[in-house]
Amino acid sequence: MTVGLLSAIAAVFYGSTVSVLALTATFARRRTLRREARSTLSVLMRGRTVESRAASDGRQ
């Protein structure tokens, strides 16, 4: 296997994981499941949590 193929597989796996977590964080019926999904998303997307918090606070 080439490095490019492994990178593509990893990118697809990461993207699908983030997508499933985002859908779970949005549409889960139980509050605890939504909270856990959001917590996991914040770990996977560390740089974006600061930006989104600043945007929700009205800061830019």
Protein backbone atom coordinates (compact mmCIF):
# COMPACT_ATOMS: atom_id res chain seq x y z
CA MET A 1 0.00 0.00 0.00
CA THR A 2 1.21 3.45 -0.76
CA VAL A 3 1.29 6.33 1.66
CA GLY A 4 -1.29 8.21 -0.42
CA LEU A 5 -3.78 5.36 -0.19
CA LEU A 6 -3.33 5.10 3.57
CA SER A 7 -3.79 8.86 3.90
CA ALA A 8 -6.98 8.71 1.85
CA ILE A 9 -8.35 5.87 3.97
CA ALA A 10 -7.51 7.77 7.17
CA ALA A 11 -9.15 10.95 5.82
CA VAL A 12 -12.35 9.10 4.92
CA PHE A 13 -12.44 7.37 8.30
CA TYR A 14 -11.88 10.67 10.16
CA GLY A 15 -14.48 12.48 8.08
CA SER A 16 -17.09 9.80 8.59
CA THR A 17 -16.41 9.70 12.33
CA VAL A 18 -16.82 13.46 12.64
CA SER A 19 -20.00 13.35 10.53
CA VAL A 20 -21.60 10.64 12.65
CA LEU A 21 -20.68 12.49 15.84
CA ALA A 22 -22.08 15.76 14.49
CA LEU A 23 -25.36 14.08 13.56
CA THR A 24 -25.52 12.40 16.96
CA ALA A 25 -24.79 15.68 18.74
CA THR A 26 -27.60 17.32 16.82
CA PHE A 27 -30.34 14.72 16.58
CA ALA A 28 -29.93 12.33 19.52
CA ARG A 29 -32.99 12.02 21.71
CA ARG A 30 -31.13 11.70 25.00
CA ARG A 31 -29.37 14.75 26.41
CA THR A 32 -26.46 12.70 27.76
CA LEU A 33 -25.77 11.18 24.35
CA ARG A 34 -25.76 14.63 22.73
CA ARG A 35 -23.41 15.92 25.44
CA GLU A 36 -21.00 13.00 24.98
CA ALA A 37 -21.00 13.45 21.21
CA ARG A 38 -20.23 17.17 21.58
CA SER A 39 -17.45 16.38 24.02
CA THR A 40 -15.88 13.92 21.59
CA LEU A 41 -16.21 16.41 18.74
CA SER A 42 -14.41 19.05 20.77
CA VAL A 43 -11.51 16.64 21.26
CA LEU A 44 -11.33 15.78 17.56
CA MET A 45 -11.61 19.38 16.40
CA ARG A 46 -9.55 21.24 19.01
CA GLY A 47 -8.77 24.36 16.97
CA ARG A 48 -12.38 24.98 16.04
CA THR A 49 -13.80 24.97 19.56
CA VAL A 50 -12.10 28.25 20.41
CA GLU A 51 -13.35 29.87 17.22
CA SER A 52 -16.92 28.68 17.67
CA ARG A 53 -17.04 29.79 21.31
CA ALA A 54 -15.75 33.22 20.35
CA ALA A 55 -18.35 33.47 17.58
CA SER A 56 -21.17 32.44 19.90
CA ASP A 57 -20.05 35.04 22.46
CA GLY A 58 -20.26 37.76 19.81
CA ARG A 59 -16.52 38.20 19.57
CA GLN A 60 -14.53 37.96 16.34
